[in-house]
PDB file of N, CA and C in Angstrom:
ATOM      1  N   MET A   1       5.826 -10.974 -14.692  1.00  0.00           N
ATOM      2  CA  MET A   1       5.427  -9.387 -14.285  1.00  0.00           C
ATOM      3  C   MET A   1       5.917  -8.282 -14.129  1.00  0.00           C
ATOM      4  N   GLY A   2       6.757  -8.393 -13.237  1.00  0.00           N
ATOM      5  CA  GLY A   2       8.009  -7.506 -13.130  1.00  0.00           C
ATOM      6  C   GLY A   2       7.250  -6.403 -11.819  1.00  0.00           C
ATOM      7  N   GLU A   3       7.823  -5.088 -11.548  1.00  0.00           N
ATOM      8  CA  GLU A   3       7.264  -4.350 -10.623  1.00  0.00           C
ATOM      9  C   GLU A   3       6.497  -3.183 -11.461  1.00  0.00           C
ATOM     10  N   PRO A   4       5.196  -2.744 -10.663  1.00  0.00           N
ATOM     11  CA  PRO A   4       4.326  -1.788 -11.254  1.00  0.00           C
ATOM     12  C   PRO A   4       5.273  -0.798 -11.839  1.00  0.00           C
ATOM     13  N   MET A   5       6.128  -0.283 -11.331  1.00  0.00           N
ATOM     14  CA  MET A   5       6.415   1.207 -11.605  1.00  0.00           C
ATOM     15  C   MET A   5       7.783   0.928 -13.002  1.00  0.00           C
ATOM     16  N   GLU A   6       7.980  -0.470 -13.768  1.00  0.00           N
ATOM     17  CA  GLU A   6       8.631  -0.661 -14.817  1.00  0.00           C
ATOM     18  C   GLU A   6       7.439  -0.704 -16.031  1.00  0.00           C
ATOM     19  N   LYS A   7       6.223  -0.738 -15.736  1.00  0.00           N
ATOM     20  CA  LYS A   7       5.118  -0.221 -16.594  1.00  0.00           C
ATOM     21  C   LYS A   7       5.327   1.109 -17.058  1.00  0.00           C
ATOM     22  N   ILE A   8       5.585   2.355 -16.248  1.00  0.00           N
ATOM     23  CA  ILE A   8       5.189   3.697 -16.713  1.00  0.00           C
ATOM     24  C   ILE A   8       6.748   4.497 -17.500  1.00  0.00           C
ATOM     25  N   SER A   9       6.248   4.976 -18.073  1.00  0.00           N
ATOM     26  CA  SER A   9       7.563   5.607 -19.134  1.00  0.00           C
ATOM     27  C   SER A   9       6.833   6.487 -19.517  1.00  0.00           C
ATOM     28  N   MET A  10       8.454   7.604 -19.452  1.00  0.00           N
ATOM     29  CA  MET A  10       8.405   9.271 -19.628  1.00  0.00           C
ATOM     30  C   MET A  10       9.386   9.544 -20.143  1.00  0.00           C
ATOM     31  N   ASP A  11       8.968   9.841 -21.778  1.00  0.00           N
ATOM     32  CA  ASP A  11       9.847   9.965 -23.252  1.00  0.00           C
ATOM     33  C   ASP A  11       9.458  11.964 -23.448  1.00  0.00           C
ATOM     34  N   PRO A  12      10.311  12.402 -23.415  1.00  0.00           N
ATOM     35  CA  PRO A  12      10.434  13.777 -23.918  1.00  0.00           C
ATOM     36  C   PRO A  12       9.284  13.875 -25.601  1.00  0.00           C
ATOM     37  N   GLU A  13       9.312  12.564 -26.505  1.00  0.00           N
ATOM     38  CA  GLU A  13       8.850  12.271 -27.544  1.00  0.00           C
ATOM     39  C   GLU A  13       7.663  12.277 -27.522  1.00  0.00           C
ATOM     40  N   VAL A  14       6.890  11.562 -26.459  1.00  0.00           N
ATOM     41  CA  VAL A  14       5.753  10.867 -26.230  1.00  0.00           C
ATOM     42  C   VAL A  14       4.864  11.686 -25.067  1.00  0.00           C
ATOM     43  N   LEU A  15       3.849  12.702 -25.561  1.00  0.00           N
ATOM     44  CA  LEU A  15       2.968  13.634 -24.661  1.00  0.00           C
ATOM     45  C   LEU A  15       3.813  14.405 -23.688  1.00  0.00           C
ATOM     46  N   SER A  16       4.742  14.888 -24.410  1.00  0.00           N
ATOM     47  CA  SER A  16       6.038  15.936 -23.542  1.00  0.00           C
ATOM     48  C   SER A  16       6.331  15.501 -22.646  1.00  0.00           C
ATOM     49  N   GLY A  17       6.806  14.609 -22.252  1.00  0.00           N
ATOM     50  CA  GLY A  17       7.442  13.384 -21.558  1.00  0.00           C
ATOM     51  C   GLY A  17       6.480  13.108 -20.216  1.00  0.00           C
ATOM     52  N   LYS A  18       5.192  13.562 -20.336  1.00  0.00           N
ATOM     53  CA  LYS A  18       3.960  13.334 -19.034  1.00  0.00           C
ATOM     54  C   LYS A  18       4.282  11.803 -19.169  1.00  0.00           C
ATOM     55  N   PRO A  19       4.226  11.230 -18.029  1.00  0.00           N
ATOM     56  CA  PRO A  19       4.154   9.477 -17.258  1.00  0.00           C
ATOM     57  C   PRO A  19       3.090   8.978 -18.228  1.00  0.00           C
ATOM     58  N   VAL A  20       3.683   7.862 -18.838  1.00  0.00           N
ATOM     59  CA  VAL A  20       2.376   7.049 -19.780  1.00  0.00           C
ATOM     60  C   VAL A  20       2.422   5.614 -19.125  1.00  0.00           C
ATOM     61  N   ILE A  21       2.104   4.452 -19.896  1.00  0.00           N
ATOM     62  CA  ILE A  21       1.949   3.423 -19.900  1.00  0.00           C
ATOM     63  C   ILE A  21       3.032   3.092 -21.124  1.00  0.00           C
ATOM     64  N   LYS A  22       3.924   2.301 -20.368  1.00  0.00           N
ATOM     65  CA  LYS A  22       4.874   1.977 -21.597  1.00  0.00           C
ATOM     66  C   LYS A  22       3.993   1.131 -22.614  1.00  0.00           C
ATOM     67  N   GLY A  23       4.903   1.798 -24.039  1.00  0.00           N
ATOM     68  CA  GLY A  23       4.245   1.456 -25.200  1.00  0.00           C
ATOM     69  C   GLY A  23       2.930   1.276 -25.726  1.00  0.00           C
ATOM     70  N   THR A  24       2.443   2.680 -24.818  1.00  0.00           N
ATOM     71  CA  THR A  24       1.216   3.129 -25.377  1.00  0.00           C
ATOM     72  C   THR A  24       1.324   5.208 -25.051  1.00  0.00           C
ATOM     73  N   ARG A  25       0.445   5.932 -25.347  1.00  0.00           N
ATOM     74  CA  ARG A  25       0.427   6.719 -25.362  1.00  0.00           C
ATOM     75  C   ARG A  25      -0.806   7.136 -24.421  1.00  0.00           C
ATOM     76  N   ILE A  26      -1.066   6.439 -23.399  1.00  0.00           N
ATOM     77  CA  ILE A  26      -2.123   6.428 -22.779  1.00  0.00           C
ATOM     78  C   ILE A  26      -1.077   7.307 -21.440  1.00  0.00           C
ATOM     79  N   PRO A  27      -1.942   8.109 -20.782  1.00  0.00           N
ATOM     80  CA  PRO A  27      -1.195   9.193 -19.769  1.00  0.00           C
ATOM     81  C   PRO A  27      -1.715   8.240 -18.266  1.00  0.00           C
ATOM     82  N   VAL A  28      -0.828   8.496 -17.156  1.00  0.00           N
ATOM     83  CA  VAL A  28      -1.217   8.345 -16.005  1.00  0.00           C
ATOM     84  C   VAL A  28      -2.155   8.779 -15.870  1.00  0.00           C
ATOM     85  N   TYR A  29      -2.349   9.896 -15.613  1.00  0.00           N
ATOM     86  CA  TYR A  29      -3.562  10.919 -14.585  1.00  0.00           C
ATOM     87  C   TYR A  29      -4.824  10.953 -15.614  1.00  0.00           C
ATOM     88  N   LEU A  30      -4.728  10.387 -16.664  1.00  0.00           N
ATOM     89  CA  LEU A  30      -5.992   9.914 -17.391  1.00  0.00           C
ATOM     90  C   LEU A  30      -6.556   8.366 -17.138  1.00  0.00           C
ATOM     91  N   ILE A  31      -5.843   7.442 -16.755  1.00  0.00           N
ATOM     92  CA  ILE A  31      -6.430   6.357 -15.280  1.00  0.00           C
ATOM     93  C   ILE A  31      -6.918   7.053 -14.479  1.00  0.00           C
ATOM     94  N   ILE A  32      -6.195   7.308 -13.526  1.00  0.00           N
ATOM     95  CA  ILE A  32      -6.250   8.067 -12.740  1.00  0.00           C
ATOM     96  C   ILE A  32      -7.750   9.526 -12.667  1.00  0.00           C
ATOM     97  N   GLN A  33      -7.631   9.608 -13.549  1.00  0.00           N
ATOM     98  CA  GLN A  33      -9.118  10.580 -13.698  1.00  0.00           C
ATOM     99  C   GLN A  33     -10.409   9.770 -13.784  1.00  0.00           C
ATOM    100  N   LEU A  34     -10.432   8.651 -14.772  1.00  0.00           N
ATOM    101  CA  LEU A  34     -11.196   7.891 -15.016  1.00  0.00           C
ATOM    102  C   LEU A  34     -11.697   7.274 -13.697  1.00  0.00           C
ATOM    103  N   LEU A  35     -10.585   6.723 -12.998  1.00  0.00           N
ATOM    104  CA  LEU A  35     -11.083   5.600 -11.557  1.00  0.00           C
ATOM    105  C   LEU A  35     -12.050   6.805 -10.739  1.00  0.00           C
ATOM    106  N   ALA A  36     -11.351   7.911 -10.896  1.00  0.00           N
ATOM    107  CA  ALA A  36     -11.862   9.330  -9.537  1.00  0.00           C
ATOM    108  C   ALA A  36     -13.607   9.341 -10.087  1.00  0.00           C
ATOM    109  N   ASN A  37     -13.239   9.357 -11.548  1.00  0.00           N
ATOM    110  CA  ASN A  37     -14.767   9.529 -11.814  1.00  0.00           C
ATOM    111  C   ASN A  37     -15.853   8.238 -12.320  1.00  0.00           C
ATOM    112  N   GLY A  38     -15.303   7.441 -11.241  1.00  0.00           N
ATOM    113  CA  GLY A  38     -16.419   6.232 -11.023  1.00  0.00           C
ATOM    114  C   GLY A  38     -16.396   5.350 -12.038  1.00  0.00           C
ATOM    115  N   MET A  39     -15.339   5.269 -13.033  1.00  0.00           N
ATOM    116  CA  MET A  39     -15.566   4.052 -13.911  1.00  0.00           C
ATOM    117  C   MET A  39     -14.368   3.139 -13.439  1.00  0.00           C
ATOM    118  N   THR A  40     -15.071   1.901 -13.663  1.00  0.00           N
ATOM    119  CA  THR A  40     -14.409   0.334 -12.874  1.00  0.00           C
ATOM    120  C   THR A  40     -13.380  -0.085 -14.370  1.00  0.00           C
ATOM    121  N   GLU A  41     -12.780  -0.641 -13.106  1.00  0.00           N
ATOM    122  CA  GLU A  41     -11.117  -1.738 -13.778  1.00  0.00           C
ATOM    123  C   GLU A  41     -11.759  -1.815 -15.179  1.00  0.00           C
ATOM    124  N   LYS A  42     -12.688  -2.469 -15.550  1.00  0.00           N
ATOM    125  CA  LYS A  42     -13.453  -3.451 -16.282  1.00  0.00           C
ATOM    126  C   LYS A  42     -13.727  -2.709 -17.612  1.00  0.00           C
ATOM    127  N   GLU A  43     -14.760  -1.263 -16.866  1.00  0.00           N
ATOM    128  CA  GLU A  43     -14.872  -0.547 -18.021  1.00  0.00           C
ATOM    129  C   GLU A  43     -13.909   0.051 -18.931  1.00  0.00           C
ATOM    130  N   ILE A  44     -12.688   0.420 -17.840  1.00  0.00           N
ATOM    131  CA  ILE A  44     -11.832   0.863 -18.671  1.00  0.00           C
ATOM    132  C   ILE A  44     -10.778   0.438 -19.339  1.00  0.00           C
ATOM    133  N   LEU A  45     -10.522  -0.943 -18.819  1.00  0.00           N
ATOM    134  CA  LEU A  45     -10.008  -2.416 -19.926  1.00  0.00           C
ATOM    135  C   LEU A  45     -10.637  -2.446 -21.310  1.00  0.00           C
ATOM    136  N   SER A  46     -12.019  -2.685 -21.394  1.00  0.00           N
ATOM    137  CA  SER A  46     -13.059  -2.465 -22.126  1.00  0.00           C
ATOM    138  C   SER A  46     -12.780  -1.398 -23.472  1.00  0.00           C
ATOM    139  N   GLN A  47     -12.816  -0.164 -22.337  1.00  0.00           N
ATOM    140  CA  GLN A  47     -12.496   0.703 -24.025  1.00  0.00           C
ATOM    141  C   GLN A  47     -11.195   1.059 -24.431  1.00  0.00           C
ATOM    142  N   TYR A  48     -10.362   1.095 -23.135  1.00  0.00           N
ATOM    143  CA  TYR A  48      -8.643   0.891 -23.894  1.00  0.00           C
ATOM    144  C   TYR A  48      -8.100  -0.378 -23.703  1.00  0.00           C
ATOM    145  N   THR A  49      -8.006  -1.144 -25.138  1.00  0.00           N
ATOM    146  CA  THR A  49      -8.023  -2.597 -25.043  1.00  0.00           C
ATOM    147  C   THR A  49      -6.351  -3.095 -24.903  1.00  0.00           C
ATOM    148  N   THR A  50      -5.925  -1.866 -25.143  1.00  0.00           N
ATOM    149  CA  THR A  50      -3.847  -2.378 -25.168  1.00  0.00           C
ATOM    150  C   THR A  50      -3.792  -1.948 -23.667  1.00  0.00           C
ATOM    151  N   LEU A  51      -4.420  -1.842 -22.755  1.00  0.00           N
ATOM    152  CA  LEU A  51      -4.087  -1.690 -21.405  1.00  0.00           C
ATOM    153  C   LEU A  51      -4.570  -3.204 -20.604  1.00  0.00           C
ATOM    154  N   LYS A  52      -3.952  -3.490 -19.840  1.00  0.00           N
ATOM    155  CA  LYS A  52      -3.596  -4.778 -18.977  1.00  0.00           C
ATOM    156  C   LYS A  52      -4.361  -4.275 -17.537  1.00  0.00           C
ATOM    157  N   LYS A  53      -4.806  -5.487 -16.657  1.00  0.00           N
ATOM    158  CA  LYS A  53      -5.429  -5.188 -15.281  1.00  0.00           C
ATOM    159  C   LYS A  53      -3.592  -4.540 -14.741  1.00  0.00           C
ATOM    160  N   GLN A  54      -2.323  -5.072 -14.838  1.00  0.00           N
ATOM    161  CA  GLN A  54      -1.379  -4.768 -14.220  1.00  0.00           C
ATOM    162  C   GLN A  54      -0.954  -2.899 -14.343  1.00  0.00           C
ATOM    163  N   ASP A  55      -1.394  -2.695 -15.908  1.00  0.00           N
ATOM    164  CA  ASP A  55      -1.267  -1.385 -15.845  1.00  0.00           C
ATOM    165  C   ASP A  55      -2.044  -0.515 -15.318  1.00  0.00           C
ATOM    166  N   ILE A  56      -3.083  -0.468 -14.710  1.00  0.00           N
ATOM    167  CA  ILE A  56      -3.962   0.150 -14.038  1.00  0.00           C
ATOM    168  C   ILE A  56      -3.269   0.340 -12.920  1.00  0.00           C
ATOM    169  N   LYS A  57      -2.760  -0.977 -12.436  1.00  0.00           N
ATOM    170  CA  LYS A  57      -2.362  -0.933 -10.765  1.00  0.00           C
ATOM    171  C   LYS A  57      -1.233   0.275 -11.154  1.00  0.00           C
ATOM    172  N   ALA A  58      -0.184  -0.213 -12.015  1.00  0.00           N
ATOM    173  CA  ALA A  58       1.108   0.818 -11.825  1.00  0.00           C
ATOM    174  C   ALA A  58       0.468   2.006 -12.242  1.00  0.00           C
ATOM    175  N   ALA A  59      -0.515   2.573 -12.538  1.00  0.00           N
ATOM    176  CA  ALA A  59      -0.546   3.921 -12.609  1.00  0.00           C
ATOM    177  C   ALA A  59      -0.855   4.259 -11.068  1.00  0.00           C
ATOM    178  N   LEU A  60      -1.606   3.665 -10.434  1.00  0.00           N
ATOM    179  CA  LEU A  60      -2.146   3.943  -9.100  1.00  0.00           C
ATOM    180  C   LEU A  60      -0.965   3.876  -7.914  1.00  0.00           C
ATOM    181  N   VAL A  61       0.038   3.191  -8.281  1.00  0.00           N
ATOM    182  CA  VAL A  61       1.087   2.893  -7.777  1.00  0.00           C
ATOM    183  C   VAL A  61       2.552   4.339  -7.964  1.00  0.00           C
ATOM    184  N   TYR A  62       1.781   4.426  -9.079  1.00  0.00           N
ATOM    185  CA  TYR A  62       3.157   5.497  -9.623  1.00  0.00           C
ATOM    186  C   TYR A  62       2.462   6.758  -8.985  1.00  0.00           C
ATOM    187  N   ALA A  63       1.422   6.856  -9.124  1.00  0.00           N
ATOM    188  CA  ALA A  63       0.357   8.386  -8.330  1.00  0.00           C
ATOM    189  C   ALA A  63       1.094   8.112  -6.877  1.00  0.00           C
ATOM    190  N   SER A  64       0.561   7.214  -5.897  1.00  0.00           N
ATOM    191  CA  SER A  64       1.008   7.147  -4.957  1.00  0.00           C
ATOM    192  C   SER A  64       2.058   7.752  -4.829  1.00  0.00           C
ATOM    193  N   LYS A  65       3.266   7.073  -5.367  1.00  0.00           N
ATOM    194  CA  LYS A  65       4.524   7.605  -5.019  1.00  0.00           C
ATOM    195  C   LYS A  65       4.968   9.085  -5.107  1.00  0.00           C
ATOM    196  N   CYS A  66       4.291   9.236  -6.619  1.00  0.00           N
ATOM    197  CA  CYS A  66       4.407  10.641  -6.453  1.00  0.00           C
ATOM    198  C   CYS A  66       3.803  11.960  -5.423  1.00  0.00           C
ATOM    199  N   LEU A  67       2.604  11.340  -4.819  1.00  0.00           N
ATOM    200  CA  LEU A  67       1.988  12.365  -3.652  1.00  0.00           C
ATOM    201  C   LEU A  67       2.939  11.603  -2.027  1.00  0.00           C
ATOM    202  N   GLU A  68       3.375  11.014  -2.308  1.00  0.00           N
ATOM    203  CA  GLU A  68       4.116  10.296  -0.484  1.00  0.00           C
ATOM    204  C   GLU A  68       4.441  11.633  -0.027  1.00  0.00           C
ATOM    205  N   ASN A  69       5.397  11.870  -0.947  1.00  0.00           N
ATOM    206  CA  ASN A  69       6.220  13.228  -0.356  1.00  0.00           C
ATOM    207  C   ASN A  69       5.655  14.691  -0.487  1.00  0.00           C
ATOM    208  N   GLU A  70       4.384  14.679  -0.819  1.00  0.00           N
ATOM    209  CA  GLU A  70       3.976  15.892  -1.733  1.00  0.00           C
ATOM    210  C   GLU A  70       3.402  16.938   0.455  1.00  0.00           C
ATOM    211  N   GLU A  71       3.506  18.210   0.237  1.00  0.00           N
ATOM    212  CA  GLU A  71       2.920  18.491   1.096  1.00  0.00           C
ATOM    213  C   GLU A  71       1.244  18.192   0.615  1.00  0.00           C
ATOM    214  N   THR A  72       0.558  18.352   2.139  1.00  0.00           N
ATOM    215  CA  THR A  72      -0.957  18.903   1.977  1.00  0.00           C
ATOM    216  C   THR A  72      -1.272  20.104   0.800  1.00  0.00           C
ATOM    217  N   ILE A  73      -2.165  20.099   0.353  1.00  0.00           N
ATOM    218  CA  ILE A  73      -3.028  20.662  -0.638  1.00  0.00           C
ATOM    219  C   ILE A  73      -4.362  21.068  -0.305  1.00  0.00           C
ATOM    220  N   VAL A  74      -4.306  22.863   0.196  1.00  0.00           N
ATOM    221  CA  VAL A  74      -5.677  22.886   0.330  1.00  0.00           C
ATOM    222  C   VAL A  74      -6.549  23.541  -0.935  1.00  0.00           C
ATOM    223  N   ILE A  75      -7.466  22.736  -0.692  1.00  0.00           N
ATOM    224  CA  ILE A  75      -8.600  23.235  -1.942  1.00  0.00           C
ATOM    225  C   ILE A  75     -10.201  23.744  -1.408  1.00  0.00           C
TER     226      ILE A  75
END
């Protein structure tokens, strides 16, 4: 299965280099947004049939790593 981060790709030719699930044009931020808005993993997988359960986990791990060293943002 490999490490979750191996499933993330950034290519300037794909969505202007935004992180996507490797082999797709599905951006990490979209997966995070869908989960944040209450969509279940099962619903996401049925709507985006190229995704696998491991891809959703990879998106969450990627987002976590990005935020790990960020400063707190007051909203």
